[in-house]
């Protein structure tokens, strides 16, 4: 009888997605919150999401309008604090989804060209920048959230073949 080597436990990996906008107080935090909700709905365990801003100052809260519209949808943004997009963020990410073509270009210039895509284009196949509600009223933030919601779902539909548990 031969000895059978004990099989090693499979190594688990985490797939990391970062949503990027300018200040990390409006679009990208709302996208992150929607992504967390979608991941929970799908009961996926090995995916992490974050958000950052290319011109973000660290530690600023999400805009009050973003907090309010997220709360009405059952999502929490009150504890969000802005984070700048850094080289460490770039290295951590497997996929970077940017809100506008200028964000994509900036990340490409940082060396992230193989990881970055325009969120709307990744979701729909067509160039689709996400409008910036910064400085607008709650109704405009609500429109942006409604704009993001089906795109986030489409992102995870597209990722499902590689991320489904």
Protein backbone atom coordinates (compact mmCIF):
# COMPACT_ATOMS: atom_id res chain seq x y z
CA UNK A 1 0.00 0.00 0.00
CA UNK A 2 1.41 3.36 -0.96
CA UNK A 3 1.16 6.46 1.13
CA UNK A 4 -1.06 9.13 -0.35
CA UNK A 5 0.22 12.62 0.38
CA UNK A 6 -2.15 14.81 2.29
CA UNK A 7 -3.74 17.33 -0.03
CA UNK A 8 -3.13 20.95 0.78
CA UNK A 9 -6.13 23.17 1.35
CA UNK A 10 -6.84 25.24 -1.73
CA UNK A 11 -5.42 28.74 -1.48
CA UNK A 12 -8.11 31.36 -1.41
CA UNK A 13 -7.56 34.64 -3.13
CA UNK A 14 -9.39 37.89 -2.96
CA UNK A 15 -10.36 39.84 -6.05
CA UNK A 16 -10.00 43.56 -5.35
CA UNK A 17 -12.03 46.25 -7.14
CA UNK A 18 -11.49 49.98 -6.70
CA UNK A 19 -13.93 52.68 -7.84
CA UNK A 20 -12.24 55.98 -8.67
CA UNK A 21 -13.48 59.53 -9.10
CA UNK A 22 -11.99 62.92 -8.35
CA UNK A 23 -12.57 63.71 -4.68
CA UNK A 24 -13.89 60.39 -3.32
CA UNK A 25 -16.89 62.07 -1.72
CA UNK A 26 -19.67 61.48 -4.31
CA UNK A 27 -19.57 59.01 -7.20
CA UNK A 28 -16.95 56.50 -6.09
CA UNK A 29 -18.28 56.10 -2.52
CA UNK A 30 -21.80 55.58 -3.89
CA UNK A 31 -20.43 53.00 -6.36
CA UNK A 32 -18.56 51.28 -3.53
CA UNK A 33 -21.71 51.14 -1.39
CA UNK A 34 -23.73 49.74 -4.29
CA UNK A 35 -21.00 47.17 -4.94
CA UNK A 36 -21.00 46.06 -1.30
CA UNK A 37 -24.77 45.61 -1.47
CA UNK A 38 -24.48 43.63 -4.72
CA UNK A 39 -21.73 41.40 -3.30
CA UNK A 40 -23.87 40.70 -0.23
CA UNK A 41 -26.89 39.96 -2.43
CA UNK A 42 -24.83 37.45 -4.39
CA UNK A 43 -23.24 36.09 -1.19
CA UNK A 44 -19.75 36.31 -2.66
CA UNK A 45 -16.97 35.95 -0.13
CA UNK A 46 -13.71 36.48 -2.01
CA UNK A 47 -14.12 39.97 -3.38
CA UNK A 48 -13.23 43.26 -1.76
CA UNK A 49 -14.19 46.73 -2.92
CA UNK A 50 -12.84 50.15 -2.11
CA UNK A 51 -12.99 53.67 -3.51
CA UNK A 52 -10.50 56.47 -3.92
CA UNK A 53 -10.10 59.84 -5.56
CA UNK A 54 -7.38 61.12 -7.82
CA UNK A 55 -7.52 64.56 -6.18
CA UNK A 56 -8.90 63.43 -2.82
CA UNK A 57 -7.76 64.91 0.44
CA UNK A 58 -7.66 62.15 3.04
CA UNK A 59 -10.34 61.98 5.70
CA UNK A 60 -13.18 64.04 4.25
CA UNK A 61 -16.69 62.62 4.73
CA UNK A 62 -18.95 61.71 1.86
CA UNK A 63 -21.08 64.63 0.77
CA UNK A 64 -24.26 65.05 2.85
CA UNK A 65 -26.33 64.52 -0.31
CA UNK A 66 -24.56 61.20 -1.04
CA UNK A 67 -25.08 60.08 2.56
CA UNK A 68 -28.79 60.97 2.39
CA UNK A 69 -29.56 59.25 -0.91
CA UNK A 70 -27.57 56.15 0.08
CA UNK A 71 -29.41 55.96 3.41
CA UNK A 72 -32.76 56.02 1.61
CA UNK A 73 -31.57 52.95 -0.33
CA UNK A 74 -30.50 51.16 2.88
CA UNK A 75 -26.77 51.83 2.45
CA UNK A 76 -24.46 53.48 4.94
CA UNK A 77 -22.03 56.21 3.85
CA UNK A 78 -21.89 58.27 7.05
CA UNK A 79 -18.64 56.62 8.15
CA UNK A 80 -16.96 56.98 4.74
CA UNK A 81 -13.74 58.98 4.69
CA UNK A 82 -12.06 60.01 1.45
CA UNK A 83 -8.86 58.32 0.36
CA UNK A 84 -6.42 59.45 -2.29
CA UNK A 85 -5.66 57.03 -5.10
CA UNK A 86 -2.06 55.97 -4.45
CA UNK A 87 0.49 53.57 -5.85
CA UNK A 88 -0.48 51.19 -3.02
CA UNK A 89 -4.10 51.35 -4.15
CA UNK A 90 -3.00 50.62 -7.71
CA UNK A 91 -0.92 47.64 -6.57
CA UNK A 92 -3.77 46.29 -4.39
CA UNK A 93 -6.38 46.45 -7.14
CA UNK A 94 -7.18 43.72 -9.62
CA UNK A 95 -9.68 45.99 -11.38
CA UNK A 96 -9.99 49.77 -11.26
CA UNK A 97 -13.26 51.25 -12.46
CA UNK A 98 -13.09 54.97 -13.14
CA UNK A 99 -15.96 57.41 -13.52
CA UNK A 100 -14.61 59.48 -16.43
CA UNK A 101 -12.11 59.16 -19.29
CA UNK A 102 -9.79 61.67 -17.56
CA UNK A 103 -9.61 59.35 -14.55
CA UNK A 104 -8.75 56.42 -16.82
CA UNK A 105 -6.02 58.45 -18.47
CA UNK A 106 -4.50 59.48 -15.12
CA UNK A 107 -4.43 55.89 -13.89
CA UNK A 108 -2.88 54.74 -17.17
CA UNK A 109 -0.15 57.34 -16.66
CA UNK A 110 0.51 55.85 -13.20
CA UNK A 111 1.09 52.46 -14.85
CA UNK A 112 -2.36 50.98 -14.29
CA UNK A 113 -3.35 50.60 -17.92
CA UNK A 114 -3.81 46.84 -17.65
CA UNK A 115 -6.17 47.23 -14.66
CA UNK A 116 -8.29 50.30 -15.41
CA UNK A 117 -11.52 50.72 -17.34
CA UNK A 118 -14.24 53.29 -17.54
CA UNK A 119 -17.00 51.96 -15.27
CA UNK A 120 -19.78 52.64 -17.75
CA UNK A 121 -17.82 51.12 -20.63
CA UNK A 122 -16.90 48.02 -18.61
CA UNK A 123 -20.59 47.56 -17.79
CA UNK A 124 -22.17 48.41 -21.15
CA UNK A 125 -19.47 48.03 -23.81
CA UNK A 126 -19.89 51.67 -24.82
CA UNK A 127 -18.06 54.77 -23.62
CA UNK A 128 -20.25 55.98 -20.81
CA UNK A 129 -18.87 58.49 -18.29
CA UNK A 130 -20.73 58.92 -15.00
CA UNK A 131 -22.01 62.45 -14.41
CA UNK A 132 -20.54 64.26 -11.42
CA UNK A 133 -23.16 65.49 -8.94
CA UNK A 134 -20.63 67.48 -6.86
CA UNK A 135 -22.21 70.66 -5.50
CA UNK A 136 -25.70 69.71 -6.69
CA UNK A 137 -28.91 69.03 -4.82
CA UNK A 138 -30.11 65.68 -3.51
CA UNK A 139 -32.23 65.07 -6.60
CA UNK A 140 -29.09 65.16 -8.76
CA UNK A 141 -27.32 62.77 -6.40
CA UNK A 142 -30.36 60.50 -6.59
CA UNK A 143 -30.07 60.54 -10.39
CA UNK A 144 -26.39 59.61 -10.16
CA UNK A 145 -27.16 56.76 -7.76
CA UNK A 146 -29.88 55.50 -10.14
CA UNK A 147 -27.37 55.79 -13.00
CA UNK A 148 -24.78 53.76 -11.07
CA UNK A 149 -27.09 51.02 -9.81
CA UNK A 150 -27.63 49.02 -13.04
CA UNK A 151 -24.00 49.57 -14.05
CA UNK A 152 -22.73 48.04 -10.80
CA UNK A 153 -25.02 45.06 -11.28
CA UNK A 154 -23.74 44.68 -14.87
CA UNK A 155 -20.12 44.83 -13.65
CA UNK A 156 -20.74 41.89 -11.33
CA UNK A 157 -22.67 40.01 -14.01
CA UNK A 158 -19.59 40.40 -16.21
CA UNK A 159 -17.26 39.29 -13.42
CA UNK A 160 -19.45 36.36 -12.37
CA UNK A 161 -17.67 33.73 -14.49
CA UNK A 162 -14.43 34.37 -12.64
CA UNK A 163 -15.77 35.37 -9.22
CA UNK A 164 -18.76 33.16 -8.58
CA UNK A 165 -17.99 31.08 -5.46
